[in-house]
Amino acid sequence: MTEKPTVSVLGTGIMGAAMARNLCRAGLTVRAWNRTREKAEPLAADGAHVTGTPAEAVEGADVVLTMLYDGATVMDVMREAAPALRPGTVWAQCTTAGTERVSDLAAFAREHGLVFYDAPVLGTRQPAEEGKLTVLAAGPEEGRETVAPVFDAVGAKTVWTGTDGGAGSASRLKLVANSWVLAATAATGEVLALARGLDVDPQSFFDLIEGGPLDMGYLRAKSALVLDGRLTPPSFAVSTAEKDARLIVAAGEGVGVRLDVAAATAERLARAAAQGHADEDMAAAYFASFDEKNEKNEKNEKGDG
């Protein structure tokens, strides 16, 4: 394909909206849809055509990009879009859907003659807004010239993991990467909680590890969100992180691997969500270390409650 493709973006939440904006900035024609239309409407100012239904969004599209909550949601939305899908359309499935769902989505693609790419992305709000995501992609070589401008617009690099999107190699790599991200997030929350409980200034811990192998930029960034009370808007929400943690646990169980840290992290995130932090940054899992009464006291001390 020599001309820039027309791209349908289904799902314009934190990540999808940022990706749609970068597609517009790259000069691609963008048709955007979101279940809650108000979340998609601001994209009109960036040049996107906001549609009322998934079918309307995919009509005439060369590439369909899905960035939704989970694999089940992706399947539901694509079924709604099905009447307007053209055989030969490229489908870049960027949702973190887990390993079990990928084969079902690939089967749907075959049924409708779509060229399927398993293409989850690594990164959160800021890299998404800057077009610096890492795209993990698997799919046939013959369709890559069509999807390449899309991946180039939303990401700083594309890591190809295979030629069969249905095999889920990109999704498997994404789960491995996310297992580390979630474990580091949970550990960050616990170290801050323990410091608070033992009356240790967190800065003394940061000074202790500074410049050594235990120091991490990620630790400091997530800690700052908690300590400074900057948990909204989220880079990656607690509710979505819990979903990913459970996908990781399920993937491990499917291959006989027990993931105790991932399972515990899922429960921490669930407790934080139940305490009212579902839509805050996943660093808010910190609050799961305390009962609700203590958490309310802390929020009042910070002036947040």
Protein backbone atom coordinates (compact mmCIF):
# COMPACT_ATOMS: atom_id res chain seq x y z
CA MET A 1 0.00 0.00 0.00
CA THR A 2 1.50 3.35 -1.06
CA GLU A 3 -1.21 5.68 0.32
CA LYS A 4 -1.70 6.25 4.02
CA PRO A 5 -4.30 3.86 5.40
CA THR A 6 -7.66 4.82 6.86
CA VAL A 7 -7.71 3.60 10.45
CA SER A 8 -10.68 2.71 12.61
CA VAL A 9 -9.93 3.01 16.34
CA LEU A 10 -12.37 1.07 18.49
CA GLY A 11 -11.96 2.10 22.12
CA THR A 12 -10.82 5.61 23.08
CA GLY A 13 -9.96 5.33 26.76
CA ILE A 14 -6.62 6.44 28.20
CA MET A 15 -4.57 4.54 25.64
CA GLY A 16 -6.92 4.46 22.66
CA ALA A 17 -7.52 8.21 22.64
CA ALA A 18 -3.79 8.94 22.75
CA MET A 19 -3.15 6.47 19.95
CA ALA A 20 -5.93 7.99 17.83
CA ARG A 21 -4.46 11.47 18.28
CA ASN A 22 -1.05 10.32 17.14
CA LEU A 23 -2.57 8.62 14.11
CA CYS A 24 -4.23 11.94 13.22
CA ARG A 25 -0.95 13.80 13.71
CA ALA A 26 0.74 11.35 11.36
CA GLY A 27 -1.72 12.38 8.65
CA LEU A 28 -3.78 9.19 8.65
CA THR A 29 -7.55 9.30 8.27
CA VAL A 30 -9.02 8.20 11.60
CA ARG A 31 -12.53 6.99 12.40
CA ALA A 32 -13.04 6.65 16.16
CA TRP A 33 -15.66 4.95 18.28
CA ASN A 34 -16.18 4.47 22.00
CA ARG A 35 -19.07 2.92 23.90
CA THR A 36 -19.38 6.16 25.86
CA ARG A 37 -19.34 8.59 22.95
CA GLU A 38 -18.43 11.57 25.16
CA LYS A 39 -14.97 10.07 25.63
CA ALA A 40 -14.43 10.01 21.87
CA GLU A 41 -15.88 13.42 21.01
CA PRO A 42 -12.73 15.45 21.90
CA LEU A 43 -10.88 13.59 19.14
CA ALA A 44 -12.90 15.51 16.56
CA ALA A 45 -10.74 18.55 17.35
CA ASP A 46 -7.70 16.49 16.31
CA GLY A 47 -9.26 15.60 12.98
CA ALA A 48 -10.84 12.24 13.77
CA HIS A 49 -14.31 11.35 12.54
CA VAL A 50 -16.25 10.22 15.63
CA THR A 51 -18.88 7.60 14.88
CA GLY A 52 -21.93 6.28 16.67
CA THR A 53 -21.42 2.55 16.14
CA PRO A 54 -18.54 0.12 15.60
CA ALA A 55 -19.94 -0.77 12.18
CA GLU A 56 -19.92 2.87 11.13
CA ALA A 57 -16.35 3.22 12.39
CA VAL A 58 -14.95 0.28 10.40
CA GLU A 59 -16.76 1.09 7.16
CA GLY A 60 -14.13 1.76 4.50
CA ALA A 61 -11.22 1.27 6.92
CA ASP A 62 -7.96 -0.29 5.79
CA VAL A 63 -6.90 -1.01 9.38
CA VAL A 64 -9.06 -1.67 12.43
CA LEU A 65 -7.28 -1.03 15.74
CA THR A 66 -8.93 -2.36 18.90
CA MET A 67 -7.91 -0.92 22.27
CA LEU A 68 -10.59 -2.05 24.70
CA TYR A 69 -10.81 -3.36 28.27
CA ASP A 70 -10.38 -7.09 27.68
CA GLY A 71 -10.70 -9.89 25.14
CA ALA A 72 -14.40 -10.49 25.76
CA THR A 73 -15.14 -6.81 25.11
CA VAL A 74 -13.08 -6.92 21.92
CA MET A 75 -15.09 -9.89 20.65
CA ASP A 76 -18.41 -8.20 21.45
CA VAL A 77 -17.43 -4.99 19.68
CA MET A 78 -16.05 -6.76 16.62
CA ARG A 79 -19.29 -8.71 16.32
CA GLU A 80 -21.12 -5.39 16.28
CA ALA A 81 -18.74 -4.18 13.58
CA ALA A 82 -18.96 -7.38 11.53
CA PRO A 83 -21.63 -6.26 9.01
CA ALA A 84 -19.32 -3.49 7.76
CA LEU A 85 -16.01 -5.36 7.79
CA ARG A 86 -14.43 -5.90 4.39
CA PRO A 87 -12.45 -9.06 3.60
CA GLY A 88 -8.76 -8.18 3.46
CA THR A 89 -9.01 -5.49 6.15
CA VAL A 90 -6.06 -5.52 8.54
CA TRP A 91 -6.95 -5.92 12.22
CA ALA A 92 -4.39 -4.74 14.78
CA GLN A 93 -5.62 -6.14 18.10
CA CYS A 94 -3.83 -4.01 20.72
CA THR A 95 -5.89 -4.86 23.81
CA THR A 96 -4.17 -6.94 26.51
CA ALA A 97 -6.50 -9.90 26.02
CA GLY A 98 -4.49 -12.75 27.54
CA THR A 99 -3.37 -15.97 25.92
CA GLU A 100 -6.65 -17.87 25.88
CA ARG A 101 -8.62 -15.22 23.99
CA VAL A 102 -6.13 -14.61 21.18
CA SER A 103 -6.98 -17.83 19.36
CA ASP A 104 -10.71 -16.98 19.52
CA LEU A 105 -10.08 -13.51 18.10
CA ALA A 106 -7.89 -14.96 15.35
CA ALA A 107 -10.66 -17.42 14.49
CA PHE A 108 -13.10 -14.52 14.18
CA ALA A 109 -10.63 -12.80 11.86
CA ARG A 110 -10.38 -15.89 9.63
CA GLU A 111 -14.17 -16.21 9.53
CA HIS A 112 -14.45 -12.65 8.21
CA GLY A 113 -11.39 -12.69 5.96
CA LEU A 114 -9.41 -10.22 8.08
CA VAL A 115 -5.61 -10.06 8.26
CA PHE A 116 -5.01 -10.52 11.99
CA TYR A 117 -2.16 -9.00 13.99
CA ASP A 118 -1.73 -9.76 17.67
CA ALA A 119 -0.31 -6.38 18.70
CA PRO A 120 -0.46 -5.45 22.40
CA VAL A 121 1.50 -2.37 23.40
CA LEU A 122 3.95 -1.77 26.23
CA GLY A 123 3.63 1.61 27.91
CA THR A 124 1.20 3.80 29.81
CA ARG A 125 -0.43 7.23 29.43
CA GLN A 126 2.67 9.40 28.86
CA PRO A 127 4.40 7.24 26.22
CA ALA A 128 1.02 6.73 24.56
CA GLU A 129 0.48 10.48 24.35
CA GLU A 130 4.02 10.97 23.02
CA GLY A 131 3.72 8.20 20.43
CA LYS A 132 6.50 6.27 22.16
CA LEU A 133 4.81 2.99 22.96
CA THR A 134 6.52 -0.30 22.17
CA VAL A 135 4.35 -2.39 19.90
CA LEU A 136 4.69 -6.14 20.34
CA ALA A 137 3.43 -7.62 17.09
CA ALA A 138 2.85 -10.96 15.43
CA GLY A 139 1.25 -11.45 12.05
CA PRO A 140 1.84 -12.24 8.39
CA GLU A 141 4.59 -10.45 6.51
CA GLU A 142 2.39 -9.74 3.48
CA GLY A 143 0.18 -7.27 5.38
CA ARG A 144 2.87 -5.41 7.25
CA GLU A 145 3.21 -2.59 4.73
CA THR A 146 -0.37 -1.63 5.55
CA VAL A 147 -0.08 -1.80 9.32
CA ALA A 148 3.45 -0.34 9.58
CA PRO A 149 2.33 3.34 9.34
CA VAL A 150 -0.09 2.67 12.20
CA PHE A 151 2.52 1.10 14.45
CA ASP A 152 5.02 3.83 13.53
CA ALA A 153 2.52 6.54 14.50
CA VAL A 154 1.73 5.13 17.94
CA GLY A 155 5.06 3.61 18.90
CA ALA A 156 8.76 4.32 19.11
CA LYS A 157 9.53 0.79 17.97
CA THR A 158 7.85 -2.41 16.89
CA VAL A 159 9.10 -5.77 18.17
CA TRP A 160 8.04 -8.60 15.86
CA THR A 161 7.54 -11.90 17.66
CA GLY A 162 6.21 -14.13 14.88
CA THR A 163 4.24 -14.43 11.64
CA ASP A 164 1.09 -16.03 13.07
CA GLY A 165 -0.98 -13.64 15.14
CA GLY A 166 -3.25 -16.44 16.27
CA ALA A 167 -0.34 -18.19 18.00
CA GLY A 168 -0.30 -15.37 20.57
CA SER A 169 3.46 -14.89 20.79
CA ALA A 170 3.10 -11.12 21.19
CA SER A 171 0.44 -11.48 23.89
CA ARG A 172 2.59 -13.99 25.76
CA LEU A 173 5.52 -11.57 25.78
CA LYS A 174 3.20 -8.79 26.96
CA LEU A 175 2.04 -10.86 29.93
CA VAL A 176 5.65 -11.62 30.90
CA ALA A 177 6.50 -7.91 30.76
CA ASN A 178 3.38 -6.94 32.70
CA SER A 179 4.13 -9.52 35.38
CA TRP A 180 7.31 -7.59 36.15
CA VAL A 181 5.56 -4.20 36.05
CA LEU A 182 2.83 -5.36 38.44
CA ALA A 183 5.27 -7.05 40.81
CA ALA A 184 7.36 -3.86 40.96
CA THR A 185 4.22 -1.79 41.57
CA ALA A 186 3.07 -4.04 44.41
CA ALA A 187 6.53 -4.01 45.99
CA THR A 188 6.63 -0.21 45.79
CA GLY A 189 3.34 0.06 47.64
CA GLU A 190 4.44 -2.37 50.31
CA VAL A 191 7.78 -0.70 50.98
CA LEU A 192 6.04 2.66 51.43
CA ALA A 193 3.40 1.09 53.67
CA LEU A 194 6.01 -0.64 55.82
CA ALA A 195 8.01 2.57 56.10
CA ARG A 196 4.88 4.36 57.29
CA GLY A 197 4.07 1.61 59.77
CA LEU A 198 7.60 1.59 61.21
CA ASP A 199 7.83 5.39 61.25
CA VAL A 200 10.65 5.43 58.70
CA ASP A 201 11.00 8.41 56.38
CA PRO A 202 10.73 6.98 52.83
CA GLN A 203 13.45 9.40 51.73
CA SER A 204 15.93 7.63 54.01
CA PHE A 205 15.21 4.42 52.09
CA PHE A 206 15.69 6.17 48.76
CA ASP A 207 18.97 7.65 49.99
CA LEU A 208 20.09 4.20 51.15
CA ILE A 209 19.68 2.58 47.73
CA GLU A 210 20.60 5.59 45.58
CA GLY A 211 22.91 4.73 42.72
CA GLY A 212 23.08 1.05 43.58
CA PRO A 213 21.64 -2.05 41.92
CA LEU A 214 18.46 -1.85 44.04
CA ASP A 215 17.60 1.63 42.81
CA MET A 216 14.95 1.97 40.11
CA GLY A 217 13.49 4.92 38.28
CA TYR A 218 10.14 3.12 38.27
CA LEU A 219 10.22 2.79 42.09
CA ARG A 220 10.81 6.50 42.47
CA ALA A 221 8.17 7.49 39.90
CA LYS A 222 5.42 5.34 41.42
CA SER A 223 6.41 6.31 44.96
CA ALA A 224 6.09 9.98 44.07
CA LEU A 225 2.51 9.46 42.89
CA VAL A 226 1.59 8.03 46.29
CA LEU A 227 3.61 10.42 48.45
CA ASP A 228 2.47 13.51 46.54
CA GLY A 229 -1.16 12.38 46.19
CA ARG A 230 -1.03 12.47 42.37
CA LEU A 231 -2.98 9.29 41.61
CA THR A 232 -5.31 10.90 39.09
CA PRO A 233 -5.43 10.98 36.18
CA PRO A 234 -4.05 7.45 36.12
CA SER A 235 -1.28 6.27 33.83
CA PHE A 236 -2.66 2.77 34.28
CA ALA A 237 -5.75 2.29 36.41
CA VAL A 238 -6.09 -0.09 39.36
CA SER A 239 -9.05 -1.88 37.75
CA THR A 240 -7.17 -2.54 34.52
CA ALA A 241 -4.07 -3.64 36.39
CA GLU A 242 -6.15 -6.14 38.37
CA LYS A 243 -7.55 -7.53 35.11
CA ASP A 244 -4.03 -7.97 33.74
CA ALA A 245 -2.82 -9.60 36.96
CA ARG A 246 -5.58 -12.18 36.72
CA LEU A 247 -4.74 -12.83 33.06
CA ILE A 248 -1.13 -13.44 34.10
CA VAL A 249 -2.17 -15.88 36.84
CA ALA A 250 -4.46 -17.72 34.42
CA ALA A 251 -1.73 -17.94 31.80
CA GLY A 252 0.64 -19.42 34.36
CA GLU A 253 -1.94 -21.94 35.51
CA GLY A 254 -2.49 -22.97 31.90
CA VAL A 255 1.13 -24.07 31.59
CA GLY A 256 1.57 -25.46 35.09
CA VAL A 257 3.38 -22.42 36.52
CA ARG A 258 2.35 -21.12 39.94
CA LEU A 259 2.65 -17.33 40.24
CA ASP A 260 2.27 -16.44 43.90
CA VAL A 261 3.34 -12.81 43.53
CA ALA A 262 0.97 -12.17 40.63
CA ALA A 263 -1.92 -13.79 42.52
CA ALA A 264 -1.22 -11.70 45.61
CA THR A 265 -0.92 -8.58 43.48
CA ALA A 266 -4.34 -9.25 41.94
CA GLU A 267 -5.83 -9.44 45.44
CA ARG A 268 -4.07 -6.23 46.54
CA LEU A 269 -5.45 -4.42 43.51
CA ALA A 270 -8.93 -5.81 44.18
CA ARG A 271 -8.81 -4.53 47.77
CA ALA A 272 -7.68 -1.10 46.60
CA ALA A 273 -10.52 -1.02 44.08
CA ALA A 274 -13.03 -1.99 46.78
CA GLN A 275 -11.72 0.93 48.88
CA GLY A 276 -12.64 3.31 46.05
CA HIS A 277 -9.37 3.48 44.09
CA ALA A 278 -10.44 1.56 40.97
CA ASP A 279 -10.01 4.55 38.65
CA GLU A 280 -6.78 5.83 40.20
CA ASP A 281 -3.26 4.95 39.13
CA MET A 282 -2.27 1.38 39.96
CA ALA A 283 0.21 2.79 42.49
CA ALA A 284 -2.90 3.21 44.66
CA ALA A 285 -2.55 -0.49 45.50
CA TYR A 286 -0.49 1.01 48.33
CA PHE A 287 -3.74 1.59 50.22
CA ALA A 288 -4.49 -2.13 50.26
CA SER A 289 -1.89 -2.45 53.02
CA PHE A 290 -4.22 -0.68 55.43
CA ASP A 291 -7.76 -1.21 56.60
CA GLU A 292 -10.31 1.28 55.35
CA LYS A 293 -10.37 3.28 58.58
CA ASN A 294 -6.61 3.90 58.55
CA GLU A 295 -6.72 4.75 54.86
CA LYS A 296 -9.39 7.42 55.45
CA ASN A 297 -7.32 8.93 58.23
CA GLU A 298 -4.30 9.17 55.94
CA LYS A 299 -6.31 10.80 53.16
CA ASN A 300 -7.68 13.36 55.64
CA GLU A 301 -4.15 14.13 56.84
CA LYS A 302 -3.14 14.83 53.23
CA GLY A 303 -6.22 16.98 52.64
CA ASP A 304 -7.66 14.58 50.08
CA GLY A 305 -10.78 13.57 51.99
